[in-house]
Structure formats: structure tokens, C-alpha cells
Amino acid sequence: MKSLARVAVVGFTGVVLLKIGTSFIGPLLAMLLGLIFLTVKIAVAAAVLYFVYSLIKRREESDEVEVEDIVREAEIIVEDAVDTVDDAIDDVMDAVDDTLDDL
């Protein structure tokens, strides 16, 4: 009977200590998990903001590059047009010279 009483006392003490422990550990664990999830939430918000910022920055850079590319292409087109006009003028002048020589 003494051994049964010891087992009962140990079991009862264990249940009481478990209840007391969970009453302290539960809120501490909840606070710790809350802080961890708050940190994760802030990190995700920062990552989203950085992603949006990088998209905006890339768009601004691509606009500048597009303008520079357009200016370069326009310069090439103008140079080609000037060369074409010069060639056309030379052809007309040669034709005029040939016509004048024939007269």
C-alpha cells in the first residue's frame, strides 16, 4: 500500500507541476512565437518593398536606355540619309555633266 501511495503522490505532484509549468511556459512560448512571426512579417514586407523598388528602378533605367538607343538610331538614320542625299546629288551632277558634254 505504501508503494501505491508513493506512485499516487508522484503522479499528483507531476500533474500539479505540469499545470504550473504550462501556465508559465505557455505564455512565454506564445510571446516567443509572436516575436518570431512579427520578425518574419517585417522581413516579408521589406522584401516586397525592395521588389517593388527594384521594378521601379529598372523601369526608370530602361526608359533612359530606350531614349539613348532611340537617339543613337536617329543619328544613324540621319547619317545614312545624308549619305544617300549626297550620293543622289553626285549622281544628278554627273548626269548634268554628261548631258552638257553631249551638247
N, C-alpha and C. Protein backbone atom coordinates (compact mmCIF):
# COMPACT_ATOMS: atom_id res chain seq x y z
N MET A 1 0.82 -1.19 0.00
CA MET A 1 0.00 0.00 0.00
C MET A 1 0.86 1.25 0.00
N LYS A 2 2.02 1.18 0.68
CA LYS A 2 2.89 2.33 0.70
C LYS A 2 3.40 2.64 -0.70
N SER A 3 3.71 1.62 -1.52
CA SER A 3 4.22 1.87 -2.87
C SER A 3 3.14 2.48 -3.76
N LEU A 4 1.89 2.07 -3.56
CA LEU A 4 0.80 2.65 -4.33
C LEU A 4 0.59 4.12 -3.95
N ALA A 5 0.76 4.44 -2.68
CA ALA A 5 0.63 5.82 -2.22
C ALA A 5 1.74 6.68 -2.79
N ARG A 6 2.95 6.11 -2.84
CA ARG A 6 4.07 6.87 -3.42
C ARG A 6 3.82 7.16 -4.90
N VAL A 7 3.33 6.19 -5.65
CA VAL A 7 3.05 6.38 -7.07
C VAL A 7 1.95 7.42 -7.25
N ALA A 8 0.95 7.38 -6.38
CA ALA A 8 -0.15 8.35 -6.47
C ALA A 8 0.34 9.76 -6.16
N VAL A 9 1.20 9.89 -5.14
CA VAL A 9 1.73 11.21 -4.78
C VAL A 9 2.62 11.74 -5.90
N VAL A 10 3.46 10.86 -6.45
CA VAL A 10 4.33 11.29 -7.56
C VAL A 10 3.49 11.69 -8.77
N GLY A 11 2.46 10.95 -9.09
CA GLY A 11 1.58 11.27 -10.22
C GLY A 11 0.85 12.58 -10.00
N PHE A 12 0.31 12.76 -8.77
CA PHE A 12 -0.40 14.00 -8.44
C PHE A 12 0.55 15.19 -8.50
N THR A 13 1.75 15.02 -7.95
CA THR A 13 2.75 16.10 -7.98
C THR A 13 3.14 16.42 -9.42
N GLY A 14 3.29 15.40 -10.22
CA GLY A 14 3.62 15.63 -11.63
C GLY A 14 2.55 16.41 -12.37
N VAL A 15 1.28 16.07 -12.09
CA VAL A 15 0.17 16.77 -12.74
C VAL A 15 0.14 18.22 -12.28
N VAL A 16 0.33 18.46 -10.97
CA VAL A 16 0.33 19.83 -10.45
C VAL A 16 1.48 20.64 -11.05
N LEU A 17 2.69 20.03 -11.06
CA LEU A 17 3.84 20.74 -11.64
C LEU A 17 3.66 20.98 -13.14
N LEU A 18 3.02 20.05 -13.82
CA LEU A 18 2.75 20.23 -15.25
C LEU A 18 1.80 21.39 -15.48
N LYS A 19 0.76 21.48 -14.64
CA LYS A 19 -0.19 22.59 -14.77
C LYS A 19 0.50 23.92 -14.48
N ILE A 20 1.31 23.97 -13.43
CA ILE A 20 2.03 25.21 -13.09
C ILE A 20 3.03 25.56 -14.21
N GLY A 21 3.73 24.55 -14.71
CA GLY A 21 4.72 24.79 -15.77
C GLY A 21 4.08 25.29 -17.06
N THR A 22 2.95 24.70 -17.43
CA THR A 22 2.28 25.15 -18.65
C THR A 22 1.70 26.55 -18.48
N SER A 23 1.33 26.90 -17.25
CA SER A 23 0.80 28.25 -17.04
C SER A 23 1.90 29.29 -17.20
N PHE A 24 3.16 28.92 -16.99
CA PHE A 24 4.28 29.85 -17.22
C PHE A 24 4.87 29.69 -18.62
N ILE A 25 5.01 28.46 -19.07
CA ILE A 25 5.67 28.21 -20.35
C ILE A 25 4.76 28.59 -21.52
N GLY A 26 3.47 28.37 -21.38
CA GLY A 26 2.54 28.68 -22.47
C GLY A 26 2.61 30.13 -22.92
N PRO A 27 2.46 31.09 -22.01
CA PRO A 27 2.56 32.49 -22.43
C PRO A 27 3.96 32.86 -22.94
N LEU A 28 4.99 32.29 -22.33
CA LEU A 28 6.34 32.58 -22.81
C LEU A 28 6.55 32.04 -24.22
N LEU A 29 6.05 30.85 -24.47
CA LEU A 29 6.16 30.26 -25.80
C LEU A 29 5.34 31.07 -26.81
N ALA A 30 4.15 31.49 -26.41
CA ALA A 30 3.31 32.30 -27.29
C ALA A 30 3.98 33.63 -27.59
N MET A 31 4.61 34.26 -26.59
CA MET A 31 5.29 35.52 -26.81
C MET A 31 6.48 35.33 -27.74
N LEU A 32 7.22 34.24 -27.55
CA LEU A 32 8.36 33.96 -28.41
C LEU A 32 7.92 33.72 -29.86
N LEU A 33 6.87 32.92 -30.03
CA LEU A 33 6.36 32.69 -31.39
C LEU A 33 5.81 33.98 -32.01
N GLY A 34 5.18 34.81 -31.19
CA GLY A 34 4.69 36.10 -31.69
C GLY A 34 5.82 36.97 -32.18
N LEU A 35 6.92 37.02 -31.43
CA LEU A 35 8.07 37.81 -31.86
C LEU A 35 8.70 37.25 -33.13
N ILE A 36 8.76 35.92 -33.21
CA ILE A 36 9.31 35.30 -34.42
C ILE A 36 8.45 35.63 -35.64
N PHE A 37 7.13 35.50 -35.51
CA PHE A 37 6.26 35.79 -36.64
C PHE A 37 6.23 37.28 -36.97
N LEU A 38 6.39 38.15 -35.97
CA LEU A 38 6.50 39.57 -36.24
C LEU A 38 7.75 39.87 -37.05
N THR A 39 8.85 39.22 -36.71
CA THR A 39 10.09 39.38 -37.45
C THR A 39 9.92 38.89 -38.89
N VAL A 40 9.26 37.75 -39.06
CA VAL A 40 9.03 37.23 -40.40
C VAL A 40 8.13 38.18 -41.19
N LYS A 41 7.11 38.74 -40.54
CA LYS A 41 6.21 39.67 -41.22
C LYS A 41 6.95 40.92 -41.67
N ILE A 42 7.82 41.46 -40.83
CA ILE A 42 8.61 42.64 -41.19
C ILE A 42 9.57 42.31 -42.33
N ALA A 43 10.18 41.11 -42.28
CA ALA A 43 11.10 40.71 -43.35
C ALA A 43 10.37 40.56 -44.69
N VAL A 44 9.17 39.99 -44.67
CA VAL A 44 8.40 39.83 -45.90
C VAL A 44 7.99 41.21 -46.44
N ALA A 45 7.56 42.11 -45.56
CA ALA A 45 7.19 43.45 -46.00
C ALA A 45 8.40 44.16 -46.61
N ALA A 46 9.56 44.03 -46.00
CA ALA A 46 10.77 44.65 -46.54
C ALA A 46 11.13 44.04 -47.89
N ALA A 47 10.97 42.73 -48.04
CA ALA A 47 11.27 42.08 -49.31
C ALA A 47 10.31 42.55 -50.41
N VAL A 48 9.04 42.70 -50.08
CA VAL A 48 8.07 43.18 -51.06
C VAL A 48 8.39 44.61 -51.46
N LEU A 49 8.70 45.46 -50.49
CA LEU A 49 9.05 46.84 -50.81
C LEU A 49 10.30 46.92 -51.67
N TYR A 50 11.30 46.09 -51.38
CA TYR A 50 12.52 46.07 -52.19
C TYR A 50 12.22 45.59 -53.60
N PHE A 51 11.34 44.60 -53.73
CA PHE A 51 10.97 44.10 -55.05
C PHE A 51 10.29 45.19 -55.87
N VAL A 52 9.36 45.91 -55.26
CA VAL A 52 8.67 46.99 -55.97
C VAL A 52 9.67 48.09 -56.32
N TYR A 53 10.56 48.43 -55.40
CA TYR A 53 11.58 49.45 -55.67
C TYR A 53 12.47 49.04 -56.83
N SER A 54 12.87 47.77 -56.87
CA SER A 54 13.74 47.32 -57.95
C SER A 54 13.00 47.34 -59.29
N LEU A 55 11.70 47.04 -59.28
CA LEU A 55 10.94 47.13 -60.52
C LEU A 55 10.86 48.57 -61.02
N ILE A 56 10.60 49.50 -60.11
CA ILE A 56 10.52 50.91 -60.48
C ILE A 56 11.88 51.40 -60.97
N LYS A 57 12.93 51.04 -60.27
CA LYS A 57 14.27 51.47 -60.67
C LYS A 57 14.63 50.90 -62.03
N ARG A 58 14.32 49.63 -62.26
CA ARG A 58 14.62 49.00 -63.55
C ARG A 58 13.84 49.69 -64.66
N ARG A 59 12.59 50.06 -64.39
CA ARG A 59 11.80 50.74 -65.42
C ARG A 59 12.40 52.10 -65.74
N GLU A 60 12.85 52.84 -64.74
CA GLU A 60 13.47 54.14 -64.99
C GLU A 60 14.75 53.98 -65.79
N GLU A 61 15.56 52.98 -65.44
CA GLU A 61 16.80 52.74 -66.17
C GLU A 61 16.50 52.30 -67.60
N SER A 62 15.49 51.46 -67.78
CA SER A 62 15.17 51.00 -69.12
C SER A 62 14.63 52.15 -69.97
N ASP A 63 13.89 53.09 -69.37
CA ASP A 63 13.43 54.26 -70.10
C ASP A 63 14.61 55.09 -70.57
N GLU A 64 15.59 55.28 -69.70
CA GLU A 64 16.77 56.05 -70.08
C GLU A 64 17.53 55.34 -71.19
N VAL A 65 17.66 54.04 -71.09
CA VAL A 65 18.36 53.28 -72.11
C VAL A 65 17.60 53.36 -73.42
N GLU A 66 16.29 53.28 -73.37
CA GLU A 66 15.49 53.35 -74.58
C GLU A 66 15.66 54.71 -75.25
N VAL A 67 15.69 55.78 -74.48
CA VAL A 67 15.88 57.11 -75.05
C VAL A 67 17.26 57.20 -75.69
N GLU A 68 18.27 56.69 -75.00
CA GLU A 68 19.62 56.73 -75.57
C GLU A 68 19.68 55.89 -76.84
N ASP A 69 19.04 54.73 -76.85
CA ASP A 69 19.03 53.89 -78.04
C ASP A 69 18.31 54.58 -79.19
N ILE A 70 17.21 55.24 -78.88
CA ILE A 70 16.46 55.94 -79.92
C ILE A 70 17.29 57.07 -80.50
N VAL A 71 18.00 57.80 -79.64
CA VAL A 71 18.85 58.89 -80.13
C VAL A 71 19.95 58.34 -81.03
N ARG A 72 20.58 57.23 -80.60
CA ARG A 72 21.63 56.62 -81.44
C ARG A 72 21.07 56.17 -82.79
N GLU A 73 19.92 55.51 -82.76
CA GLU A 73 19.31 55.06 -84.01
C GLU A 73 18.95 56.24 -84.90
N ALA A 74 18.45 57.32 -84.31
CA ALA A 74 18.11 58.51 -85.09
C ALA A 74 19.35 59.11 -85.73
N GLU A 75 20.46 59.15 -84.99
CA GLU A 75 21.71 59.67 -85.55
C GLU A 75 22.18 58.81 -86.72
N ILE A 76 22.06 57.50 -86.57
CA ILE A 76 22.47 56.61 -87.67
C ILE A 76 21.58 56.81 -88.88
N ILE A 77 20.28 56.96 -88.66
CA ILE A 77 19.34 57.18 -89.76
C ILE A 77 19.65 58.49 -90.45
N VAL A 78 19.93 59.54 -89.69
CA VAL A 78 20.24 60.84 -90.28
C VAL A 78 21.54 60.76 -91.08
N GLU A 79 22.56 60.09 -90.53
CA GLU A 79 23.82 59.95 -91.26
C GLU A 79 23.61 59.18 -92.56
N ASP A 80 22.81 58.11 -92.51
CA ASP A 80 22.53 57.34 -93.72
C ASP A 80 21.76 58.19 -94.73
N ALA A 81 20.82 59.00 -94.24
CA ALA A 81 20.04 59.86 -95.14
C ALA A 81 20.94 60.91 -95.79
N VAL A 82 21.85 61.48 -95.02
CA VAL A 82 22.78 62.47 -95.57
C VAL A 82 23.67 61.83 -96.63
N ASP A 83 24.15 60.63 -96.35
CA ASP A 83 24.98 59.91 -97.33
C ASP A 83 24.17 59.62 -98.59
N THR A 84 22.92 59.22 -98.41
CA THR A 84 22.07 58.93 -99.56
C THR A 84 21.81 60.18 -100.38
N VAL A 85 21.53 61.28 -99.72
CA VAL A 85 21.29 62.55 -100.42
C VAL A 85 22.56 62.99 -101.14
N ASP A 86 23.73 62.86 -100.49
CA ASP A 86 24.99 63.22 -101.14
C ASP A 86 25.22 62.37 -102.39
N ASP A 87 24.94 61.07 -102.26
CA ASP A 87 25.09 60.19 -103.42
C ASP A 87 24.12 60.58 -104.53
N ALA A 88 22.89 60.94 -104.16
CA ALA A 88 21.90 61.34 -105.16
C ALA A 88 22.32 62.64 -105.84
N ILE A 89 22.84 63.57 -105.08
CA ILE A 89 23.30 64.84 -105.65
C ILE A 89 24.48 64.59 -106.61
N ASP A 90 25.40 63.73 -106.20
CA ASP A 90 26.52 63.39 -107.06
C ASP A 90 26.04 62.74 -108.36
N ASP A 91 25.05 61.84 -108.27
CA ASP A 91 24.51 61.20 -109.47
C ASP A 91 23.85 62.22 -110.39
N VAL A 92 23.10 63.15 -109.81
CA VAL A 92 22.45 64.19 -110.62
C VAL A 92 23.50 65.08 -111.27
N MET A 93 24.53 65.44 -110.52
CA MET A 93 25.58 66.30 -111.08
C MET A 93 26.32 65.58 -112.21
N ASP A 94 26.57 64.28 -112.04
CA ASP A 94 27.22 63.51 -113.10
C ASP A 94 26.33 63.45 -114.34
N ALA A 95 25.02 63.27 -114.13
CA ALA A 95 24.10 63.23 -115.26
C ALA A 95 24.05 64.57 -115.96
N VAL A 96 24.06 65.66 -115.21
CA VAL A 96 24.07 67.01 -115.80
C VAL A 96 25.37 67.22 -116.58
N ASP A 97 26.49 66.81 -116.00
CA ASP A 97 27.77 66.96 -116.70
C ASP A 97 27.79 66.15 -118.00
N ASP A 98 27.27 64.92 -117.95
CA ASP A 98 27.20 64.09 -119.15
C ASP A 98 26.31 64.73 -120.22
N THR A 99 25.20 65.29 -119.77
CA THR A 99 24.27 65.95 -120.70
C THR A 99 24.94 67.18 -121.31
N LEU A 100 25.65 67.95 -120.51
CA LEU A 100 26.32 69.15 -121.03
C LEU A 100 27.47 68.78 -121.98
N ASP A 101 28.14 67.69 -121.71
CA ASP A 101 29.21 67.25 -122.58
C ASP A 101 28.67 66.78 -123.93
N ASP A 102 27.49 66.19 -123.92
CA ASP A 102 26.89 65.72 -125.16
C ASP A 102 26.43 66.88 -126.03
N LEU A 103 26.17 68.02 -125.46
CA LEU A 103 25.70 69.16 -126.23
C LEU A 103 26.87 69.82 -126.82
